[in-house]
Protein backbone atom coordinates (compact mmCIF):
# COMPACT_ATOMS: atom_id res chain seq x y z
CA MET A 1 -103.10 71.94 -185.30
CA ILE A 2 -101.06 75.11 -186.89
CA THR A 3 -97.47 74.19 -188.26
CA VAL A 4 -94.57 76.51 -188.36
CA TYR A 5 -91.75 75.76 -190.84
CA GLY A 6 -87.82 77.27 -189.60
CA ARG A 7 -85.41 77.25 -187.22
CA LYS A 8 -86.03 79.14 -184.27
CA SER A 9 -82.87 81.56 -184.41
CA SER A 10 -84.38 83.25 -187.42
CA ALA A 11 -85.98 86.21 -186.99
CA ASN A 12 -88.67 85.89 -189.58
CA VAL A 13 -89.72 82.41 -187.65
CA GLN A 14 -89.49 84.02 -184.26
CA LYS A 15 -92.30 86.55 -185.50
CA VAL A 16 -94.69 83.72 -186.81
CA ARG A 17 -93.56 81.46 -183.60
CA TRP A 18 -94.32 84.97 -181.03
CA ILE A 19 -97.96 85.76 -182.38
CA CYS A 20 -99.00 82.05 -181.84
CA SER A 21 -97.59 81.93 -178.66
CA GLU A 22 -98.87 85.80 -177.82
CA GLY A 23 -102.27 84.36 -179.06
CA ASN A 24 -101.98 81.01 -176.62
CA LEU A 25 -102.31 79.01 -180.16
CA GLU A 26 -101.66 75.44 -179.88
CA PHE A 27 -98.22 74.73 -182.83
CA LYS A 28 -95.80 72.61 -183.82
CA THR A 29 -92.71 73.60 -185.41
CA GLU A 30 -90.42 71.66 -188.05
CA ILE A 31 -86.98 72.40 -187.59
CA VAL A 32 -85.29 73.39 -191.29
CA GLY A 33 -83.43 76.24 -193.10
CA GLY A 34 -79.71 77.38 -191.89
CA LYS A 35 -77.23 74.38 -190.94
CA TYR A 36 -80.75 72.10 -190.59
CA GLY A 37 -80.85 72.27 -194.25
CA GLY A 38 -83.83 70.95 -196.39
CA LEU A 39 -84.73 73.84 -197.54
CA THR A 40 -84.21 72.82 -201.38
CA SER A 41 -85.80 69.07 -200.54
CA PRO A 42 -88.41 67.88 -202.88
CA GLU A 43 -91.03 67.97 -200.07
CA PHE A 44 -90.04 71.58 -199.14
CA MET A 45 -90.03 72.80 -202.02
CA ARG A 46 -94.13 71.68 -202.52
CA LEU A 47 -94.15 73.91 -199.96
CA ASN A 48 -92.45 77.23 -200.43
CA PRO A 49 -90.89 76.93 -204.33
CA ASN A 50 -88.56 79.90 -202.92
CA SER A 51 -86.96 77.61 -200.18
CA THR A 52 -87.88 80.05 -197.66
CA ILE A 53 -88.52 79.68 -193.90
CA PRO A 54 -91.10 80.33 -192.28
CA VAL A 55 -93.58 78.25 -193.97
CA LEU A 56 -96.78 77.99 -192.43
CA LYS A 57 -99.53 75.23 -192.79
CA ASP A 58 -102.90 75.64 -191.61
CA GLY A 59 -104.56 72.32 -192.28
CA ASP A 60 -104.59 72.37 -195.90
CA PHE A 61 -103.68 76.06 -196.52
CA ILE A 62 -99.72 76.62 -197.11
CA LEU A 63 -98.40 80.28 -196.68
CA TYR A 64 -94.74 81.84 -196.82
CA GLU A 65 -93.38 85.50 -196.37
CA SER A 66 -93.70 85.74 -192.18
CA ASN A 67 -95.44 89.43 -192.92
CA SER A 68 -98.19 88.03 -194.52
CA ILE A 69 -97.84 84.70 -192.28
CA ILE A 70 -98.42 86.90 -189.21
CA LYS A 71 -101.51 89.27 -191.24
CA TYR A 72 -103.06 86.07 -191.64
CA ILE A 73 -103.14 84.95 -188.18
CA SER A 74 -103.96 88.10 -186.63
CA ASP A 75 -106.78 88.26 -189.18
CA LYS A 76 -108.16 84.55 -188.47
CA PHE A 77 -107.51 83.99 -185.23
CA ASP A 78 -108.31 87.73 -183.98
CA ILE A 79 -104.74 88.65 -182.13
CA LEU A 80 -104.05 91.73 -182.30
CA LYS A 81 -106.22 92.52 -184.81
CA SER A 82 -107.50 95.97 -185.98
CA ASP A 83 -110.85 97.00 -186.89
CA ASN A 84 -109.85 100.30 -187.47
CA PRO A 85 -108.39 101.05 -191.23
CA LYS A 86 -106.50 103.94 -190.20
CA LYS A 87 -104.45 101.82 -187.40
CA THR A 88 -104.54 98.43 -190.03
CA ALA A 89 -102.82 100.93 -192.49
CA LEU A 90 -99.85 101.93 -189.74
CA ASN A 91 -99.61 98.81 -189.13
CA ASN A 92 -98.89 97.79 -192.31
CA GLN A 93 -96.61 100.46 -192.81
CA TRP A 94 -94.11 99.04 -189.97
CA ILE A 95 -94.73 95.86 -191.10
CA ASP A 96 -93.14 97.07 -194.85
CA TRP A 97 -90.43 99.08 -193.03
CA SER A 98 -89.25 96.54 -190.52
CA SER A 99 -88.43 94.69 -193.72
CA SER A 100 -87.53 97.04 -196.53
CA VAL A 101 -85.08 98.87 -194.67
CA PHE A 102 -84.67 97.67 -190.42
CA GLY A 103 -84.93 93.90 -190.91
CA LEU A 104 -82.73 94.13 -194.31
CA ASN A 105 -79.80 95.99 -192.44
CA CYS A 106 -80.32 93.32 -189.33
CA SER A 107 -80.25 90.95 -192.15
CA THR A 108 -76.42 92.59 -193.36
CA TYR A 109 -75.05 93.05 -190.33
CA THR A 110 -75.75 89.64 -189.21
CA ALA A 111 -74.75 87.42 -192.29
CA HIS A 112 -71.50 90.19 -191.98
CA ASN A 113 -70.92 89.21 -188.05
CA ILE A 114 -71.79 85.79 -187.59
CA LEU A 115 -73.32 83.69 -190.73
CA LEU A 116 -70.72 83.64 -193.45
CA PRO A 117 -67.77 82.16 -193.66
CA VAL A 118 -64.45 84.72 -191.89
CA GLU A 119 -63.25 85.14 -195.60
CA GLN A 120 -66.96 86.42 -197.07
CA ARG A 121 -67.36 88.89 -194.24
CA ASN A 122 -67.28 92.94 -195.74
CA PRO A 123 -66.20 95.30 -192.80
CA THR A 124 -67.09 98.04 -195.27
CA LEU A 125 -71.01 96.80 -195.71
CA VAL A 126 -71.04 96.16 -191.52
CA SER A 127 -70.15 99.62 -191.22
CA GLU A 128 -72.76 100.62 -193.06
CA ALA A 129 -75.04 98.18 -192.18
CA LYS A 130 -74.15 99.87 -189.12
CA LYS A 131 -74.76 103.30 -189.92
CA LYS A 132 -78.22 102.08 -191.03
CA ILE A 133 -79.53 100.53 -188.22
CA ARG A 134 -78.71 103.79 -185.97
CA SER A 135 -80.81 105.54 -188.03
CA CYS A 136 -83.18 103.01 -187.61
CA PHE A 137 -82.97 103.44 -183.67
CA GLU A 138 -83.41 106.83 -184.34
CA LEU A 139 -86.78 107.18 -185.95
CA LEU A 140 -88.06 104.23 -183.90
CA ASN A 141 -86.85 106.32 -180.59
CA THR A 142 -88.94 109.39 -182.01
CA GLN A 143 -92.23 107.61 -182.64
CA LEU A 144 -92.24 105.72 -179.40
CA GLU A 145 -91.47 109.25 -177.46
CA LYS A 146 -95.58 109.23 -177.54
CA THR A 147 -96.42 105.63 -176.58
CA ASN A 148 -95.22 102.80 -175.00
CA TYR A 149 -95.28 100.40 -178.03
CA LEU A 150 -95.28 101.50 -182.06
CA LEU A 151 -98.55 102.59 -182.75
CA ASP A 152 -100.04 103.24 -178.72
CA ASP A 153 -99.88 101.99 -175.24
CA GLU A 154 -101.00 98.37 -176.21
CA LEU A 155 -98.80 96.15 -178.09
CA SER A 156 -99.92 95.68 -182.18
CA LEU A 157 -99.05 93.70 -184.68
CA ALA A 158 -96.40 96.18 -185.72
CA ASP A 159 -94.62 95.57 -182.78
CA ILE A 160 -94.11 92.26 -183.66
CA PRO A 161 -91.44 92.98 -186.73
CA VAL A 162 -89.47 95.26 -185.42
CA GLY A 163 -89.58 93.63 -181.74
CA CYS A 164 -87.45 90.89 -183.40
CA TRP A 165 -85.10 92.66 -185.49
CA ILE A 166 -84.40 95.20 -182.11
CA HIS A 167 -83.17 92.11 -179.96
CA ARG A 168 -81.18 91.03 -182.75
CA CYS A 169 -79.10 94.24 -182.76
CA VAL A 170 -79.21 93.65 -179.03
CA VAL A 171 -78.06 90.29 -179.13
CA LEU A 172 -75.28 91.42 -181.56
CA GLY A 173 -73.94 93.74 -179.61
CA LEU A 174 -75.42 97.19 -180.86
CA GLU A 175 -76.90 99.39 -178.22
CA ILE A 176 -79.62 100.93 -177.34
CA ALA A 177 -79.35 102.81 -174.01
CA GLU A 178 -78.85 105.96 -175.53
CA PHE A 179 -82.09 106.18 -177.16
CA LYS A 180 -84.41 106.44 -173.83
CA SER A 181 -88.26 105.37 -175.89
CA LEU A 182 -86.42 102.27 -177.70
CA GLU A 183 -84.93 101.01 -174.81
CA LYS A 184 -88.33 101.15 -172.70
CA LEU A 185 -89.99 99.43 -175.71
CA TYR A 186 -87.37 96.51 -175.04
CA ILE A 187 -87.91 96.20 -171.72
CA ASN A 188 -92.02 96.19 -172.08
CA LEU A 189 -91.46 93.56 -174.59
CA LYS A 190 -89.17 91.43 -172.47
CA GLU A 191 -92.25 91.36 -169.64
CA ARG A 192 -94.13 89.54 -172.21
CA ASN A 193 -94.27 86.23 -171.68
CA ALA A 194 -94.54 85.06 -175.52
CA PHE A 195 -91.83 87.17 -176.54
CA ARG A 196 -89.85 85.56 -173.67
CA THR A 197 -90.02 82.33 -175.04
CA GLU A 198 -89.99 83.11 -178.80
CA VAL A 199 -87.61 85.58 -179.28
CA PHE A 200 -85.38 86.48 -175.90
CA ALA A 201 -84.86 82.88 -175.41
CA THR A 202 -83.61 81.34 -178.62
CA PRO A 203 -80.49 81.24 -180.05
CA LEU A 204 -78.62 83.63 -182.81
CA PRO A 205 -77.92 81.94 -186.23
CA PRO A 206 -77.20 79.31 -187.50
CA GLU A 207 -79.19 77.57 -184.33
């Protein structure tokens, strides 16, 4: 059985749980990280010396870094897998962007709104992150004017990380209603049982 290490409120953990559910895989979650601690325990650091979540255990195979994990699951279990090299490259493009641009600013916005102690929160960083997130919304909205999902009219691997961060923005009060095509994607995602279970129904950090 697959084991996912992490807390359900982590967007990066949600990516992994979502693709597992999308493929109807049997898996279990070991709760670790955030308020639950355990990231610096000797047992966890043997799994991931970086002390970060998520971590995947598939038999005796251990893998960390969420984007690598969802690609591994997609390849091994043929979930949202593409045999078209160009589509695979586009999936990878959006997955990378979701972390280096979109997710980075979403994480900053989350930290300085709800995660950090009040005295450590920086309103300037919140404002800057909000502007950058809006730019991400605009970019996504333009892309989605052509299709129902990021690459075409069916869910692809690229939608997994992007969808997790869109949901985080929405629950933190960042309005997407003016971005009609982006809002359409979010509506489409909410119609998927795996998204509702593993992303929509989960709590905010640090839970």
